[in-house]
């Protein structure tokens, strides 16, 4: 018998002063049995940093042809494709061909650094790709905020990101390894 996903309910308040986006979101996240709290919370952080009324979670962890998050226009064309972790370079290349912009939120410390170094030449050819590395301290700290029912606040101001549950507040660093020029959705 297959193990079922664990459901997390999140009330997320976003105050993004850089994009002038201020909105509350009631989200339901399905955590795949093999997904860690760290990865799930990085997905949630990516949602907060790119929140939009049409941004939605995909099946990226279990389906190669779907993003972890994506934003589609009214015709179904993919405007923004977001993946979390260290996806295969071929999958990123395929996503870049299907979407106007692709953003990867890498994490994992030294492993993420090695992944980027091994693939940097191929990534350099992808003009619509942005790669952001989250330091291991940041990704592990937000993983500690994971609970089945969460009340979270995300504040973005002057390049700084804070994620708080009311008791704990985490400052999240973002190291941009590769930036797509002329990005409407960059953080």
Protein backbone atom coordinates (compact mmCIF):
# COMPACT_ATOMS: atom_id res chain seq x y z
CA UNK A 1 0.00 0.00 0.00
CA UNK A 2 1.35 3.41 -1.00
CA UNK A 3 2.10 5.95 1.69
CA UNK A 4 -0.07 9.02 1.31
CA UNK A 5 1.05 12.62 1.28
CA UNK A 6 0.93 14.61 4.51
CA UNK A 7 -1.31 17.66 4.28
CA UNK A 8 -0.19 21.00 5.72
CA UNK A 9 -2.50 24.01 6.06
CA UNK A 10 -0.82 27.40 5.86
CA UNK A 11 -2.15 30.89 6.41
CA UNK A 12 0.55 33.03 4.83
CA UNK A 13 0.64 36.81 5.15
CA UNK A 14 2.93 38.41 2.58
CA UNK A 15 4.26 41.95 2.79
CA UNK A 16 6.62 42.36 -0.16
CA UNK A 17 7.67 46.00 -0.21
CA UNK A 18 9.83 45.48 -3.28
CA UNK A 19 6.96 44.28 -5.49
CA UNK A 20 4.24 46.21 -3.59
CA UNK A 21 2.44 42.93 -2.99
CA UNK A 22 0.43 42.68 0.24
CA UNK A 23 -1.91 39.75 0.51
CA UNK A 24 -2.95 36.83 2.71
CA UNK A 25 -3.03 33.33 1.23
CA UNK A 26 -4.75 30.24 2.64
CA UNK A 27 -2.69 27.37 1.21
CA UNK A 28 -2.83 23.61 1.33
CA UNK A 29 0.50 21.87 0.78
CA UNK A 30 0.80 18.18 0.11
CA UNK A 31 4.13 16.86 1.36
CA UNK A 32 5.20 13.80 -0.63
CA UNK A 33 6.30 10.92 1.65
CA UNK A 34 9.91 11.32 0.46
CA UNK A 35 9.90 15.12 0.73
CA UNK A 36 11.67 16.65 3.72
CA UNK A 37 10.31 19.53 5.77
CA UNK A 38 13.25 21.57 4.45
CA UNK A 39 12.24 21.07 0.81
CA UNK A 40 8.57 21.75 1.52
CA UNK A 41 9.39 24.98 3.32
CA UNK A 42 11.67 26.11 0.47
CA UNK A 43 8.69 25.53 -1.87
CA UNK A 44 6.57 27.66 0.45
CA UNK A 45 9.24 30.36 0.54
CA UNK A 46 9.38 30.36 -3.27
CA UNK A 47 5.61 30.83 -3.31
CA UNK A 48 5.90 33.79 -0.93
CA UNK A 49 8.65 35.44 -2.99
CA UNK A 50 6.72 35.15 -6.27
CA UNK A 51 3.12 35.20 -5.05
CA UNK A 52 0.55 35.99 -7.70
CA UNK A 53 -3.11 35.14 -8.05
CA UNK A 54 -2.29 32.54 -10.73
CA UNK A 55 0.83 31.02 -9.11
CA UNK A 56 0.13 27.44 -8.11
CA UNK A 57 1.92 24.38 -6.82
CA UNK A 58 2.69 21.66 -9.36
CA UNK A 59 3.75 18.02 -9.07
CA UNK A 60 7.43 18.79 -9.70
CA UNK A 61 8.76 16.22 -7.27
CA UNK A 62 6.88 13.34 -8.88
CA UNK A 63 6.41 14.50 -12.49
CA UNK A 64 9.30 15.64 -14.68
CA UNK A 65 6.97 17.63 -16.94
CA UNK A 66 5.67 19.80 -14.09
CA UNK A 67 7.26 22.51 -11.99
CA UNK A 68 7.24 22.68 -8.23
CA UNK A 69 5.41 25.99 -8.75
CA UNK A 70 4.28 27.64 -11.92
CA UNK A 71 2.45 30.64 -13.21
CA UNK A 72 0.42 30.19 -16.36
CA UNK A 73 -1.35 32.90 -18.32
CA UNK A 74 -5.01 32.64 -19.31
CA UNK A 75 -4.11 30.68 -22.45
CA UNK A 76 -2.21 28.05 -20.46
CA UNK A 77 1.25 29.22 -21.54
CA UNK A 78 3.81 28.94 -18.76
CA UNK A 79 5.17 32.35 -17.80
CA UNK A 80 7.14 31.27 -14.73
CA UNK A 81 8.50 27.83 -13.82
CA UNK A 82 10.00 27.38 -10.33
CA UNK A 83 11.90 24.30 -9.23
CA UNK A 84 13.31 23.59 -5.78
CA UNK A 85 16.43 21.59 -4.97
CA UNK A 86 19.05 20.39 -7.43
CA UNK A 87 17.16 19.39 -10.58
CA UNK A 88 18.86 17.61 -13.44
CA UNK A 89 20.34 20.00 -16.02
CA UNK A 90 18.33 18.33 -18.81
CA UNK A 91 15.08 18.98 -16.95
CA UNK A 92 16.04 22.63 -16.45
CA UNK A 93 16.85 22.97 -20.14
CA UNK A 94 13.47 21.45 -21.02
CA UNK A 95 11.71 23.82 -18.59
CA UNK A 96 13.52 26.79 -20.18
CA UNK A 97 12.12 25.72 -23.55
CA UNK A 98 8.57 25.54 -22.18
CA UNK A 99 8.50 28.68 -20.04
CA UNK A 100 9.23 32.38 -20.39
CA UNK A 101 11.30 32.27 -17.21
CA UNK A 102 12.71 29.52 -14.99
CA UNK A 103 13.89 30.01 -11.41
CA UNK A 104 15.64 27.33 -9.39
CA UNK A 105 15.90 27.62 -5.61
CA UNK A 106 18.90 25.45 -4.79
CA UNK A 107 19.78 24.47 -1.24
CA UNK A 108 21.97 21.91 0.44
CA UNK A 109 25.20 23.73 1.20
CA UNK A 110 28.28 22.15 -0.35
CA UNK A 111 26.19 19.76 -2.45
CA UNK A 112 24.42 22.70 -4.08
CA UNK A 113 27.75 24.42 -4.75
CA UNK A 114 29.10 21.27 -6.45
CA UNK A 115 25.87 20.87 -8.48
CA UNK A 116 26.16 24.43 -9.77
CA UNK A 117 29.87 24.11 -10.54
CA UNK A 118 29.30 20.89 -12.51
CA UNK A 119 26.50 22.45 -14.58
CA UNK A 120 27.50 26.13 -14.82
CA UNK A 121 28.57 25.95 -18.49
CA UNK A 122 25.21 24.46 -19.53
CA UNK A 123 23.31 26.90 -17.30
CA UNK A 124 25.19 29.82 -18.87
CA UNK A 125 23.56 29.08 -22.23
CA UNK A 126 20.03 29.31 -20.81
CA UNK A 127 19.10 32.98 -21.08
CA UNK A 128 15.77 32.72 -19.24
CA UNK A 129 17.20 30.94 -16.18
CA UNK A 130 17.80 32.33 -12.67
CA UNK A 131 19.43 30.21 -9.97
CA UNK A 132 19.24 31.27 -6.34
CA UNK A 133 21.14 29.35 -3.68
CA UNK A 134 19.81 29.36 -0.13
CA UNK A 135 22.55 28.86 2.47
CA UNK A 136 22.11 25.69 4.51
CA UNK A 137 21.57 27.72 7.70
CA UNK A 138 18.60 29.51 6.11
CA UNK A 139 16.93 26.43 4.64
CA UNK A 140 17.34 24.41 7.84
CA UNK A 141 16.03 27.29 9.96
CA UNK A 142 12.82 27.61 7.94
CA UNK A 143 12.39 23.81 8.09
CA UNK A 144 12.04 24.18 11.87
CA UNK A 145 8.94 26.36 11.29
CA UNK A 146 7.08 23.43 9.65
CA UNK A 147 3.91 22.38 11.44
CA UNK A 148 0.70 20.75 10.20
CA UNK A 149 -1.13 24.08 10.72
CA UNK A 150 0.97 27.18 10.18
CA UNK A 151 0.38 30.90 10.61
CA UNK A 152 3.31 32.54 8.83
CA UNK A 153 4.32 36.06 7.89
CA UNK A 154 6.78 36.76 5.09
CA UNK A 155 8.29 40.22 4.79
CA UNK A 156 10.50 41.31 1.90
CA UNK A 157 12.26 44.67 2.08
CA UNK A 158 15.55 46.07 0.77
CA UNK A 159 16.72 42.66 -0.43
CA UNK A 160 16.05 41.06 2.96
CA UNK A 161 13.53 38.26 3.55
CA UNK A 162 12.04 37.35 6.93
CA UNK A 163 9.77 34.39 7.61
CA UNK A 164 8.10 34.26 10.99
CA UNK A 165 5.55 32.14 12.81
CA UNK A 166 5.00 34.69 15.58
CA UNK A 167 7.45 32.98 17.94
CA UNK A 168 10.48 32.46 15.72
CA UNK A 169 11.72 34.77 12.98
CA UNK A 170 14.18 33.61 10.35
CA UNK A 171 16.23 35.91 8.13
CA UNK A 172 16.71 34.18 4.79
CA UNK A 173 19.72 34.91 2.67
CA UNK A 174 19.56 34.49 -1.09
CA UNK A 175 22.73 34.08 -3.09
CA UNK A 176 22.09 34.64 -6.79
CA UNK A 177 24.30 32.26 -8.76
CA UNK A 178 22.83 33.10 -12.17
CA UNK A 179 20.43 35.88 -13.03
CA UNK A 180 18.08 36.19 -15.96
CA UNK A 181 18.09 39.71 -17.36
CA UNK A 182 14.85 41.69 -17.78
CA UNK A 183 13.01 39.57 -15.26
CA UNK A 184 9.48 40.51 -14.34
CA UNK A 185 9.33 37.84 -11.63
CA UNK A 186 12.82 37.97 -10.11
CA UNK A 187 13.20 38.42 -6.43
